[in-house]
Amino acid sequence: MAGRKNFKGRQEKRNETADLREEAREARTPKQQFAVLDKRLGVNIGAKRERVRLGREPWPTSVNN
């Protein structure tokens, strides 16, 4: 299989970088995340669900919304 060379290594590397991105995202405040989205996508363009989610933080503590 020509396309599977070093698949495990590439997959592990992707997982590591995903973990780093996730940690960086969790460290940002909602206001900082809005700024990142605006810089990346444009002011109030795209990532509608993410922007709604950020607007609702902090999440309610109850499980039954």
PDB file of N, CA and C in Angstrom:
ATOM      1  N   MET A   1       0.829  -1.183   0.000  1.00  0.00           N
ATOM      2  CA  MET A   1       0.000   0.000   0.000  1.00  0.00           C
ATOM      3  C   MET A   1       0.874   1.247   0.000  1.00  0.00           C
ATOM      4  N   ALA A   2       0.925   1.909  -1.106  1.00  0.00           N
ATOM      5  CA  ALA A   2       1.819   3.043  -1.267  1.00  0.00           C
ATOM      6  C   ALA A   2       1.405   4.236  -0.404  1.00  0.00           C
ATOM      7  N   GLY A   3       0.135   4.452  -0.195  1.00  0.00           N
ATOM      8  CA  GLY A   3      -0.337   5.617   0.551  1.00  0.00           C
ATOM      9  C   GLY A   3      -0.271   5.455   2.057  1.00  0.00           C
ATOM     10  N   ARG A   4       0.115   4.313   2.541  1.00  0.00           N
ATOM     11  CA  ARG A   4       0.096   4.058   3.970  1.00  0.00           C
ATOM     12  C   ARG A   4       1.487   4.102   4.614  1.00  0.00           C
ATOM     13  N   LYS A   5       2.470   4.625   3.897  1.00  0.00           N
ATOM     14  CA  LYS A   5       3.817   4.696   4.449  1.00  0.00           C
ATOM     15  C   LYS A   5       3.820   5.574   5.691  1.00  0.00           C
ATOM     16  N   ASN A   6       4.360   5.036   6.763  1.00  0.00           N
ATOM     17  CA  ASN A   6       4.496   5.774   8.010  1.00  0.00           C
ATOM     18  C   ASN A   6       3.153   6.321   8.508  1.00  0.00           C
ATOM     19  N   PHE A   7       2.086   5.605   8.246  1.00  0.00           N
ATOM     20  CA  PHE A   7       0.752   6.065   8.642  1.00  0.00           C
ATOM     21  C   PHE A   7       0.664   6.282  10.146  1.00  0.00           C
ATOM     22  N   LYS A   8       1.168   5.335  10.928  1.00  0.00           N
ATOM     23  CA  LYS A   8       1.106   5.455  12.387  1.00  0.00           C
ATOM     24  C   LYS A   8       1.829   6.709  12.858  1.00  0.00           C
ATOM     25  N   GLY A   9       2.995   6.962  12.306  1.00  0.00           N
ATOM     26  CA  GLY A   9       3.766   8.138  12.698  1.00  0.00           C
ATOM     27  C   GLY A   9       3.045   9.433  12.363  1.00  0.00           C
ATOM     28  N   ARG A  10       2.470   9.503  11.163  1.00  0.00           N
ATOM     29  CA  ARG A  10       1.733  10.702  10.764  1.00  0.00           C
ATOM     30  C   ARG A  10       0.497  10.886  11.631  1.00  0.00           C
ATOM     31  N   GLN A  11      -0.177   9.785  11.921  1.00  0.00           N
ATOM     32  CA  GLN A  11      -1.384   9.858  12.744  1.00  0.00           C
ATOM     33  C   GLN A  11      -1.046  10.329  14.164  1.00  0.00           C
ATOM     34  N   GLU A  12       0.025   9.816  14.721  1.00  0.00           N
ATOM     35  CA  GLU A  12       0.437  10.237  16.061  1.00  0.00           C
ATOM     36  C   GLU A  12       0.803  11.719  16.079  1.00  0.00           C
ATOM     37  N   LYS A  13       1.495  12.162  15.050  1.00  0.00           N
ATOM     38  CA  LYS A  13       1.874  13.573  14.960  1.00  0.00           C
ATOM     39  C   LYS A  13       0.635  14.465  14.879  1.00  0.00           C
ATOM     40  N   ARG A  14      -0.357  14.066  14.070  1.00  0.00           N
ATOM     41  CA  ARG A  14      -1.600  14.830  13.968  1.00  0.00           C
ATOM     42  C   ARG A  14      -2.315  14.885  15.312  1.00  0.00           C
ATOM     43  N   ASN A  15      -2.334  13.763  16.019  1.00  0.00           N
ATOM     44  CA  ASN A  15      -2.988  13.729  17.326  1.00  0.00           C
ATOM     45  C   ASN A  15      -2.290  14.656  18.318  1.00  0.00           C
ATOM     46  N   GLU A  16      -0.956  14.682  18.280  1.00  0.00           N
ATOM     47  CA  GLU A  16      -0.203  15.556  19.176  1.00  0.00           C
ATOM     48  C   GLU A  16      -0.493  17.025  18.888  1.00  0.00           C
ATOM     49  N   THR A  17      -0.495  17.393  17.608  1.00  0.00           N
ATOM     50  CA  THR A  17      -0.753  18.791  17.277  1.00  0.00           C
ATOM     51  C   THR A  17      -2.200  19.168  17.597  1.00  0.00           C
ATOM     52  N   ALA A  18      -3.121  18.222  17.437  1.00  0.00           N
ATOM     53  CA  ALA A  18      -4.517  18.486  17.793  1.00  0.00           C
ATOM     54  C   ALA A  18      -4.644  18.742  19.294  1.00  0.00           C
ATOM     55  N   ASP A  19      -3.911  17.981  20.084  1.00  0.00           N
ATOM     56  CA  ASP A  19      -3.934  18.186  21.538  1.00  0.00           C
ATOM     57  C   ASP A  19      -3.392  19.568  21.895  1.00  0.00           C
ATOM     58  N   LEU A  20      -2.318  19.984  21.223  1.00  0.00           N
ATOM     59  CA  LEU A  20      -1.745  21.305  21.484  1.00  0.00           C
ATOM     60  C   LEU A  20      -2.725  22.415  21.113  1.00  0.00           C
ATOM     61  N   ARG A  21      -3.396  22.258  19.962  1.00  0.00           N
ATOM     62  CA  ARG A  21      -4.387  23.262  19.548  1.00  0.00           C
ATOM     63  C   ARG A  21      -5.549  23.314  20.526  1.00  0.00           C
ATOM     64  N   GLU A  22      -5.980  22.153  21.008  1.00  0.00           N
ATOM     65  CA  GLU A  22      -7.087  22.097  21.956  1.00  0.00           C
ATOM     66  C   GLU A  22      -6.716  22.784  23.272  1.00  0.00           C
ATOM     67  N   GLU A  23      -5.500  22.550  23.750  1.00  0.00           N
ATOM     68  CA  GLU A  23      -5.048  23.197  24.982  1.00  0.00           C
ATOM     69  C   GLU A  23      -4.982  24.716  24.816  1.00  0.00           C
ATOM     70  N   ALA A  24      -4.492  25.160  23.664  1.00  0.00           N
ATOM     71  CA  ALA A  24      -4.408  26.592  23.405  1.00  0.00           C
ATOM     72  C   ALA A  24      -5.804  27.202  23.353  1.00  0.00           C
ATOM     73  N   ARG A  25      -6.744  26.503  22.740  1.00  0.00           N
ATOM     74  CA  ARG A  25      -8.115  26.993  22.641  1.00  0.00           C
ATOM     75  C   ARG A  25      -8.761  27.091  24.019  1.00  0.00           C
ATOM     76  N   GLU A  26      -8.544  26.090  24.855  1.00  0.00           N
ATOM     77  CA  GLU A  26      -9.142  26.090  26.184  1.00  0.00           C
ATOM     78  C   GLU A  26      -8.563  27.191  27.067  1.00  0.00           C
ATOM     79  N   ALA A  27      -7.350  27.630  26.778  1.00  0.00           N
ATOM     80  CA  ALA A  27      -6.707  28.670  27.578  1.00  0.00           C
ATOM     81  C   ALA A  27      -7.231  30.065  27.229  1.00  0.00           C
ATOM     82  N   ARG A  28      -7.879  30.216  26.064  1.00  0.00           N
ATOM     83  CA  ARG A  28      -8.381  31.521  25.653  1.00  0.00           C
ATOM     84  C   ARG A  28      -9.741  31.813  26.270  1.00  0.00           C
ATOM     85  N   THR A  29      -9.983  33.071  26.524  1.00  0.00           N
ATOM     86  CA  THR A  29     -11.296  33.513  26.990  1.00  0.00           C
ATOM     87  C   THR A  29     -12.216  33.608  25.776  1.00  0.00           C
ATOM     88  N   PRO A  30     -13.535  33.671  25.992  1.00  0.00           N
ATOM     89  CA  PRO A  30     -14.438  33.833  24.842  1.00  0.00           C
ATOM     90  C   PRO A  30     -14.120  35.075  24.014  1.00  0.00           C
ATOM     91  N   LYS A  31     -13.762  36.165  24.675  1.00  0.00           N
ATOM     92  CA  LYS A  31     -13.428  37.390  23.945  1.00  0.00           C
ATOM     93  C   LYS A  31     -12.202  37.182  23.063  1.00  0.00           C
ATOM     94  N   GLN A  32     -11.198  36.484  23.582  1.00  0.00           N
ATOM     95  CA  GLN A  32      -9.993  36.198  22.800  1.00  0.00           C
ATOM     96  C   GLN A  32     -10.317  35.265  21.637  1.00  0.00           C
ATOM     97  N   GLN A  33     -11.211  34.297  21.851  1.00  0.00           N
ATOM     98  CA  GLN A  33     -11.581  33.370  20.780  1.00  0.00           C
ATOM     99  C   GLN A  33     -12.337  34.096  19.667  1.00  0.00           C
ATOM    100  N   PHE A  34     -13.205  35.055  20.048  1.00  0.00           N
ATOM    101  CA  PHE A  34     -13.873  35.881  19.036  1.00  0.00           C
ATOM    102  C   PHE A  34     -12.834  36.590  18.179  1.00  0.00           C
ATOM    103  N   ALA A  35     -11.794  37.130  18.818  1.00  0.00           N
ATOM    104  CA  ALA A  35     -10.745  37.841  18.085  1.00  0.00           C
ATOM    105  C   ALA A  35     -10.011  36.902  17.136  1.00  0.00           C
ATOM    106  N   VAL A  36      -9.734  35.672  17.577  1.00  0.00           N
ATOM    107  CA  VAL A  36      -9.064  34.695  16.722  1.00  0.00           C
ATOM    108  C   VAL A  36      -9.937  34.362  15.516  1.00  0.00           C
ATOM    109  N   LEU A  37     -11.222  34.143  15.753  1.00  0.00           N
ATOM    110  CA  LEU A  37     -12.133  33.825  14.649  1.00  0.00           C
ATOM    111  C   LEU A  37     -12.240  34.995  13.677  1.00  0.00           C
ATOM    112  N   ASP A  38     -12.336  36.214  14.204  1.00  0.00           N
ATOM    113  CA  ASP A  38     -12.428  37.387  13.340  1.00  0.00           C
ATOM    114  C   ASP A  38     -11.174  37.547  12.488  1.00  0.00           C
ATOM    115  N   LYS A  39     -10.015  37.299  13.082  1.00  0.00           N
ATOM    116  CA  LYS A  39      -8.761  37.426  12.336  1.00  0.00           C
ATOM    117  C   LYS A  39      -8.659  36.357  11.249  1.00  0.00           C
ATOM    118  N   ARG A  40      -9.075  35.129  11.595  1.00  0.00           N
ATOM    119  CA  ARG A  40      -8.943  34.007  10.676  1.00  0.00           C
ATOM    120  C   ARG A  40      -9.981  34.058   9.556  1.00  0.00           C
ATOM    121  N   LEU A  41     -11.231  34.392   9.897  1.00  0.00           N
ATOM    122  CA  LEU A  41     -12.326  34.275   8.934  1.00  0.00           C
ATOM    123  C   LEU A  41     -12.870  35.612   8.447  1.00  0.00           C
ATOM    124  N   GLY A  42     -12.665  36.653   9.219  1.00  0.00           N
ATOM    125  CA  GLY A  42     -13.263  37.954   8.923  1.00  0.00           C
ATOM    126  C   GLY A  42     -14.259  38.286  10.021  1.00  0.00           C
ATOM    127  N   VAL A  43     -14.528  39.561  10.203  1.00  0.00           N
ATOM    128  CA  VAL A  43     -15.386  40.005  11.294  1.00  0.00           C
ATOM    129  C   VAL A  43     -16.799  39.454  11.095  1.00  0.00           C
ATOM    130  N   ASN A  44     -17.237  38.679  12.060  1.00  0.00           N
ATOM    131  CA  ASN A  44     -18.578  38.078  12.092  1.00  0.00           C
ATOM    132  C   ASN A  44     -18.901  37.240  10.858  1.00  0.00           C
ATOM    133  N   ILE A  45     -17.883  36.625  10.282  1.00  0.00           N
ATOM    134  CA  ILE A  45     -18.089  35.756   9.121  1.00  0.00           C
ATOM    135  C   ILE A  45     -17.718  34.339   9.525  1.00  0.00           C
ATOM    136  N   GLY A  46     -18.594  33.390   9.234  1.00  0.00           N
ATOM    137  CA  GLY A  46     -18.320  31.979   9.478  1.00  0.00           C
ATOM    138  C   GLY A  46     -18.345  31.603  10.946  1.00  0.00           C
ATOM    139  N   ALA A  47     -18.203  30.308  11.205  1.00  0.00           N
ATOM    140  CA  ALA A  47     -18.165  29.730  12.554  1.00  0.00           C
ATOM    141  C   ALA A  47     -19.370  30.177  13.378  1.00  0.00           C
ATOM    142  N   LYS A  48     -20.552  30.120  12.772  1.00  0.00           N
ATOM    143  CA  LYS A  48     -21.761  30.597  13.446  1.00  0.00           C
ATOM    144  C   LYS A  48     -22.029  29.847  14.735  1.00  0.00           C
ATOM    145  N   ARG A  49     -21.912  28.543  14.700  1.00  0.00           N
ATOM    146  CA  ARG A  49     -22.189  27.752  15.898  1.00  0.00           C
ATOM    147  C   ARG A  49     -21.184  28.043  17.005  1.00  0.00           C
ATOM    148  N   GLU A  50     -19.922  28.188  16.636  1.00  0.00           N
ATOM    149  CA  GLU A  50     -18.890  28.513  17.619  1.00  0.00           C
ATOM    150  C   GLU A  50     -19.162  29.869  18.247  1.00  0.00           C
ATOM    151  N   ARG A  51     -19.559  30.836  17.438  1.00  0.00           N
ATOM    152  CA  ARG A  51     -19.844  32.170  17.962  1.00  0.00           C
ATOM    153  C   ARG A  51     -21.056  32.155  18.889  1.00  0.00           C
ATOM    154  N   VAL A  52     -22.071  31.370  18.556  1.00  0.00           N
ATOM    155  CA  VAL A  52     -23.235  31.246  19.439  1.00  0.00           C
ATOM    156  C   VAL A  52     -22.821  30.594  20.743  1.00  0.00           C
ATOM    157  N   ARG A  53     -22.030  29.544  20.660  1.00  0.00           N
ATOM    158  CA  ARG A  53     -21.578  28.839  21.853  1.00  0.00           C
ATOM    159  C   ARG A  53     -20.770  29.777  22.750  1.00  0.00           C
ATOM    160  N   LEU A  54     -19.903  30.570  22.146  1.00  0.00           N
ATOM    161  CA  LEU A  54     -19.100  31.509  22.922  1.00  0.00           C
ATOM    162  C   LEU A  54     -19.970  32.566  23.603  1.00  0.00           C
ATOM    163  N   GLY A  55     -21.038  32.946  22.955  1.00  0.00           N
ATOM    164  CA  GLY A  55     -21.940  33.938  23.526  1.00  0.00           C
ATOM    165  C   GLY A  55     -22.711  33.413  24.717  1.00  0.00           C
ATOM    166  N   ARG A  56     -22.854  32.087  24.825  1.00  0.00           N
ATOM    167  CA  ARG A  56     -23.618  31.483  25.912  1.00  0.00           C
ATOM    168  C   ARG A  56     -22.760  31.101  27.106  1.00  0.00           C
ATOM    169  N   GLU A  57     -21.443  31.165  26.994  1.00  0.00           N
ATOM    170  CA  GLU A  57     -20.593  30.772  28.109  1.00  0.00           C
ATOM    171  C   GLU A  57     -20.766  31.749  29.256  1.00  0.00           C
ATOM    172  N   PRO A  58     -20.648  31.356  30.488  1.00  0.00           N
ATOM    173  CA  PRO A  58     -20.380  29.996  30.949  1.00  0.00           C
ATOM    174  C   PRO A  58     -21.611  29.113  30.819  1.00  0.00           C
ATOM    175  N   TRP A  59     -21.362  27.833  30.613  1.00  0.00           N
ATOM    176  CA  TRP A  59     -22.439  26.876  30.419  1.00  0.00           C
ATOM    177  C   TRP A  59     -23.235  26.702  31.695  1.00  0.00           C
ATOM    178  N   PRO A  60     -24.547  26.444  31.571  1.00  0.00           N
ATOM    179  CA  PRO A  60     -25.343  26.137  32.755  1.00  0.00           C
ATOM    180  C   PRO A  60     -24.853  24.844  33.401  1.00  0.00           C
ATOM    181  N   THR A  61     -25.007  24.755  34.702  1.00  0.00           N
ATOM    182  CA  THR A  61     -24.520  23.575  35.408  1.00  0.00           C
ATOM    183  C   THR A  61     -25.482  22.408  35.301  1.00  0.00           C
ATOM    184  N   SER A  62     -26.752  22.662  34.979  1.00  0.00           N
ATOM    185  CA  SER A  62     -27.711  21.563  34.891  1.00  0.00           C
ATOM    186  C   SER A  62     -27.513  20.790  33.591  1.00  0.00           C
ATOM    187  N   VAL A  63     -27.778  19.492  33.666  1.00  0.00           N
ATOM    188  CA  VAL A  63     -27.624  18.631  32.489  1.00  0.00           C
ATOM    189  C   VAL A  63     -28.851  18.728  31.606  1.00  0.00           C
ATOM    190  N   ASN A  64     -30.025  18.903  32.184  1.00  0.00           N
ATOM    191  CA  ASN A  64     -31.280  18.983  31.440  1.00  0.00           C
ATOM    192  C   ASN A  64     -31.564  20.429  31.067  1.00  0.00           C
ATOM    193  N   ASN A  65     -31.201  20.825  29.854  1.00  0.00           N
ATOM    194  CA  ASN A  65     -31.424  22.208  29.433  1.00  0.00           C
ATOM    195  C   ASN A  65     -32.807  22.344  28.881  1.00  0.00           C
TER     196      ASN A  65
END
